[in-house]
Protein backbone atom coordinates (compact mmCIF):
# COMPACT_ATOMS: atom_id res chain seq x y z
CA MET A 1 9.00 70.70 -8.05
CA ASP A 2 12.52 71.18 -6.59
CA ALA A 3 15.78 71.37 -8.49
CA THR A 4 16.54 67.62 -8.12
CA GLU A 5 13.14 66.61 -9.39
CA ARG A 6 13.31 69.09 -12.24
CA GLN A 7 16.78 67.91 -13.28
CA THR A 8 15.65 64.33 -13.14
CA ALA A 9 12.74 65.28 -15.44
CA ILE A 10 15.16 67.01 -17.84
CA LEU A 11 17.22 63.85 -18.05
CA ASP A 12 14.09 61.82 -18.75
CA LEU A 13 13.21 64.15 -21.62
CA LEU A 14 16.73 63.83 -23.03
CA THR A 15 16.48 60.08 -22.88
CA ARG A 16 13.25 60.25 -24.96
CA GLN A 17 14.09 62.99 -27.46
CA GLY A 18 17.82 63.49 -27.49
CA ARG A 19 17.80 67.29 -27.21
CA VAL A 20 16.12 69.95 -25.07
CA GLU A 21 15.79 73.65 -25.45
CA VAL A 22 16.10 76.20 -22.63
CA GLU A 23 12.95 78.20 -23.58
CA ASP A 24 10.85 75.04 -23.89
CA LEU A 25 12.05 73.79 -20.52
CA ALA A 26 11.32 77.09 -18.80
CA GLN A 27 7.84 77.05 -20.10
CA ARG A 28 7.28 73.35 -19.27
CA PHE A 29 8.40 73.76 -15.64
CA GLY A 30 7.14 77.33 -15.06
CA VAL A 31 10.55 78.68 -14.08
CA SER A 32 12.92 81.34 -15.44
CA LEU A 33 15.38 80.87 -18.32
CA GLN A 34 18.22 81.46 -15.79
CA THR A 35 16.92 78.66 -13.57
CA ILE A 36 16.93 76.23 -16.51
CA ARG A 37 20.44 77.38 -17.55
CA THR A 38 21.62 76.68 -13.95
CA ASP A 39 20.02 73.28 -14.08
CA LEU A 40 21.79 72.49 -17.44
CA ARG A 41 25.07 73.81 -16.07
CA ASP A 42 24.81 71.54 -13.01
CA LEU A 43 23.95 68.50 -15.14
CA ALA A 44 26.77 69.24 -17.55
CA ALA A 45 29.24 69.48 -14.71
CA ARG A 46 28.14 65.99 -13.63
CA GLY A 47 28.67 64.65 -17.16
CA ALA A 48 24.95 63.84 -17.43
CA LEU A 49 24.47 65.94 -20.58
CA SER A 50 26.35 68.18 -23.07
CA ARG A 51 25.50 71.82 -23.44
CA VAL A 52 24.83 73.26 -26.97
CA HIS A 53 23.65 76.61 -28.06
CA GLY A 54 20.12 77.19 -26.70
CA GLY A 55 19.86 73.90 -24.87
CA ALA A 56 21.50 70.59 -24.31
CA VAL A 57 21.87 67.10 -25.85
CA ARG A 58 22.51 63.66 -24.39
CA SER A 59 25.94 62.90 -23.21
CA SER A 60 27.81 60.38 -25.27
CA SER A 61 29.33 58.75 -22.20
CA GLY A 62 27.54 55.62 -21.04
CA ALA A 63 29.24 55.87 -17.70
CA SER A 64 27.83 59.35 -17.28
CA ARG A 65 24.39 58.12 -17.91
CA ASP A 66 24.89 55.40 -15.35
CA TYR A 67 25.77 57.94 -12.73
CA ALA A 68 22.77 60.08 -13.70
CA GLU A 69 20.60 57.01 -13.37
CA ARG A 70 21.98 56.24 -9.86
CA ARG A 71 20.69 59.60 -8.71
CA LYS A 72 17.18 58.40 -9.35
CA LEU A 73 17.49 55.28 -7.24
CA ASN A 74 15.89 55.65 -3.84
CA ALA A 75 15.96 59.46 -4.09
CA ARG A 76 13.48 59.85 -1.23
CA GLY A 77 15.46 57.68 1.08
CA LYS A 78 18.72 59.48 0.20
CA ARG A 79 17.10 62.80 1.06
CA ALA A 80 15.89 61.46 4.42
CA MET A 81 19.37 60.10 5.21
CA ALA A 82 20.94 63.40 4.18
CA ALA A 83 18.60 65.25 6.62
CA LEU A 84 19.93 62.99 9.47
CA ALA A 85 23.53 63.73 8.43
CA ALA A 86 22.84 67.47 8.27
CA ASP A 87 21.53 67.35 11.85
CA LEU A 88 24.91 66.05 12.95
CA ILE A 89 26.77 69.00 11.39
CA PRO A 90 26.87 72.26 13.29
CA ASP A 91 27.37 75.66 11.76
CA ASN A 92 30.87 77.07 11.65
CA CYS A 93 32.72 73.75 11.17
CA ALA A 94 34.84 72.20 8.37
CA ILE A 95 33.62 69.10 6.55
CA THR A 96 34.66 66.85 3.64
CA LEU A 97 32.24 65.19 1.28
CA ASN A 98 33.30 62.56 -1.21
CA ILE A 99 31.90 61.45 -4.56
CA GLY A 100 28.47 59.87 -4.58
CA THR A 101 24.78 60.52 -5.11
CA SER A 102 24.14 60.23 -1.25
CA THR A 103 26.77 62.77 -0.39
CA GLU A 104 25.31 65.07 -2.99
CA GLN A 105 22.04 64.95 -1.11
CA VAL A 106 23.85 65.75 2.08
CA ALA A 107 25.30 68.86 0.39
CA ARG A 108 21.83 69.89 -0.56
CA ALA A 109 20.56 69.32 3.02
CA LEU A 110 23.24 71.75 4.29
CA SER A 111 21.69 74.72 2.40
CA GLY A 112 20.54 76.29 5.64
CA HIS A 113 23.89 75.98 7.46
CA ARG A 114 26.18 78.89 7.84
CA GLY A 115 29.98 79.36 8.24
CA LEU A 116 30.82 75.89 6.90
CA THR A 117 34.15 75.16 5.14
CA VAL A 118 33.36 72.42 2.59
CA LEU A 119 36.19 70.38 1.10
CA SER A 120 35.22 67.87 -1.64
CA ASN A 121 36.58 65.77 -4.48
CA ASN A 122 33.10 65.93 -6.00
CA ILE A 123 32.74 68.66 -8.62
CA ASN A 124 28.98 68.26 -8.49
CA ILE A 125 28.87 69.25 -4.82
CA ILE A 126 31.07 72.28 -5.25
CA ASN A 127 29.13 73.40 -8.26
CA MET A 128 25.75 73.15 -6.57
CA MET A 129 26.99 75.06 -3.53
CA MET A 130 28.77 77.85 -5.38
CA GLU A 131 26.00 80.45 -5.03
CA ASP A 132 25.97 80.09 -1.18
CA GLU A 133 28.30 82.86 -0.08
CA SER A 134 27.92 81.75 3.59
CA LYS A 135 30.23 78.69 2.92
CA GLU A 136 33.81 78.52 1.98
CA LEU A 137 34.33 75.89 -0.78
CA ILE A 138 37.53 74.00 -1.47
CA LEU A 139 37.72 71.76 -4.53
CA VAL A 140 40.30 68.98 -4.20
CA GLY A 141 42.96 69.16 -6.93
CA GLY A 142 43.85 66.18 -9.18
CA ALA A 143 42.69 64.23 -12.19
CA ILE A 144 38.98 64.43 -12.98
CA ARG A 145 37.05 61.21 -13.72
CA GLN A 146 34.70 62.51 -16.36
CA SER A 147 32.06 59.87 -15.90
CA ASP A 148 30.90 61.37 -12.56
CA GLY A 149 32.95 64.42 -11.68
CA ALA A 150 35.17 62.65 -9.09
CA ILE A 151 38.70 63.97 -8.52
CA VAL A 152 41.05 61.04 -7.85
CA GLY A 153 44.76 60.12 -8.03
CA GLU A 154 47.90 60.87 -6.08
CA ASP A 155 47.51 64.70 -6.35
CA ALA A 156 44.09 64.40 -4.71
CA LEU A 157 45.58 62.38 -1.84
CA GLU A 158 48.25 64.89 -1.23
CA PHE A 159 45.77 67.76 -1.39
CA ILE A 160 43.44 66.20 1.18
CA ALA A 161 46.35 65.48 3.56
CA ARG A 162 46.89 69.27 3.91
CA TYR A 163 43.62 69.55 5.88
CA LYS A 164 42.14 68.26 9.16
CA VAL A 165 38.38 68.69 9.19
CA ASP A 166 35.81 68.31 11.85
CA ILE A 167 33.50 65.87 10.04
CA ALA A 168 33.95 63.58 7.01
CA VAL A 169 30.89 62.35 5.28
CA ILE A 170 31.40 59.51 2.75
CA GLY A 171 29.29 57.09 0.68
CA ALA A 172 30.05 53.56 -0.49
CA SER A 173 28.99 51.05 -3.14
CA ALA A 174 28.49 48.05 -0.84
CA MET A 175 28.38 46.95 2.72
CA ASP A 176 29.00 43.45 4.08
CA ALA A 177 27.20 42.05 7.10
CA ASP A 178 30.58 41.49 8.78
CA GLY A 179 31.14 45.31 8.87
CA ALA A 180 33.24 45.77 5.72
CA ILE A 181 32.55 49.04 3.79
CA LEU A 182 33.42 48.55 0.10
CA ASP A 183 33.74 50.20 -3.29
CA HIS A 184 34.72 49.33 -6.85
CA ASP A 185 37.39 51.79 -7.86
CA ALA A 186 40.75 51.48 -5.99
CA ARG A 187 41.56 55.16 -6.80
CA GLU A 188 38.25 56.29 -5.32
CA VAL A 189 38.77 54.09 -2.24
CA SER A 190 42.20 55.68 -1.67
CA VAL A 191 40.58 59.15 -1.63
CA ALA A 192 37.83 57.97 0.77
CA ARG A 193 40.48 56.52 3.07
CA ALA A 194 42.38 59.87 3.01
CA ILE A 195 39.19 61.74 3.76
CA LEU A 196 38.46 59.52 6.77
CA LYS A 197 42.06 59.73 8.02
CA ASN A 198 42.00 63.45 8.05
CA ALA A 199 38.76 63.99 9.96
CA ARG A 200 37.89 64.06 13.65
CA LYS A 201 34.42 62.52 13.14
CA ARG A 202 33.66 59.99 10.44
CA VAL A 203 30.18 59.51 9.05
CA LEU A 204 29.02 56.95 6.42
CA VAL A 205 25.69 57.63 4.52
CA CYS A 206 24.65 54.47 2.66
CA ASP A 207 21.25 53.03 1.97
CA GLY A 208 20.29 49.54 3.01
CA SER A 209 20.33 48.16 -0.58
CA LYS A 210 24.09 48.21 -0.39
CA PHE A 211 23.96 45.17 1.83
CA GLU A 212 22.61 43.32 -1.27
CA ARG A 213 25.58 44.37 -3.44
CA THR A 214 29.20 43.43 -3.55
CA ALA A 215 32.42 45.33 -4.34
CA PRO A 216 36.04 44.22 -4.24
CA VAL A 217 37.90 47.05 -2.51
CA ARG A 218 37.66 47.76 1.19
CA ILE A 219 37.41 51.34 2.24
CA CYS A 220 37.26 50.60 5.97
CA ASP A 221 35.31 48.65 8.55
CA VAL A 222 32.31 49.82 10.53
CA ALA A 223 34.71 49.99 13.56
CA ASP A 224 36.54 52.78 11.75
CA LEU A 225 33.45 54.98 11.67
CA ASP A 226 31.69 57.07 14.26
CA VAL A 227 28.27 57.08 12.72
CA VAL A 228 26.52 54.96 10.04
CA ILE A 229 23.33 56.47 8.55
CA THR A 230 21.07 54.19 6.55
CA ASP A 231 17.33 53.82 5.66
CA ARG A 232 16.50 50.37 7.11
CA PRO A 233 17.59 48.13 9.97
CA VAL A 234 21.05 46.64 9.45
CA PRO A 235 21.93 42.89 9.68
CA PRO A 236 22.47 41.59 13.27
CA GLU A 237 26.12 40.81 12.63
CA PHE A 238 26.75 44.32 11.36
CA SER A 239 24.91 45.75 14.35
CA ARG A 240 27.01 43.66 16.72
CA ALA A 241 30.23 44.78 15.06
CA ALA A 242 29.11 48.47 15.31
CA GLU A 243 28.11 48.09 18.98
CA ALA A 244 31.48 46.51 19.84
CA ALA A 245 33.32 49.47 18.26
CA ASP A 246 30.90 52.06 19.80
CA THR A 247 29.86 53.08 16.27
CA GLN A 248 26.41 54.67 16.30
CA ILE A 249 23.83 53.51 13.75
CA LEU A 250 21.06 55.86 12.70
CA TRP A 251 18.31 54.75 10.31
CA VAL A 252 15.56 56.80 8.85
CA GLY A 253 12.63 54.57 9.86
CA GLU A 254 13.76 54.49 13.51
CA ASN A 255 14.26 58.26 13.55
CA GLU A 256 10.83 58.89 12.09
CA SER A 257 9.22 56.47 14.64
CA SER A 258 10.97 58.33 17.53
CA GLU A 259 9.72 61.70 16.19
CA ASN A 260 6.14 60.46 15.91
CA ALA A 261 6.07 58.83 19.33
């Protein structure tokens, strides 16, 4: 069981019983006390639970639980998309990752990379990468949205504008067949736009279920991206818009078919 699966199981236990103890968790999962403390620290940083002496309790924030629940959705697909994204990122470059459960998986997929400078407005990403001394980590400054650990607002925009990175990797809440890339929070969208503006290569990681969802705020269009990574074939209209803009589309099923051919 890897850290993601173990942390999901911890949240499941919290949902059922309201409190967990470090020693009990260590025995249950067959890992050290320090490993469990690290798990609880990571989950607390994301707002998914609250630390107490000897363990943790459920977070009182409904929005935090919503974000924790989103981590469970299509976890396997997100890991596969993250692996494709990691293949596009060479060692010794600068990248930006925004808030989102898919970009968190990209951060995990970069564990074997060396010499990266990682800029993020996602506290969860910086927290999970802190023990990797081979990477330089830069946390965007600004107001923290406690429901998910996103840093947003004007200060965040000014901070991001100080940098020009090699690759930006973003997620989104929805995609339209006409090529629009969308999200719900205008503050979050402003940060995503700043991230894209200040990168040489722009990558979207977004699973195909987002074509079945709607959101009111436009981040960008597929023509503004260099690569779109998803887990299923995209609608024909979206594909045509991408082709016209010379935007590359990578999807997990196609990649796996090519590898197995």
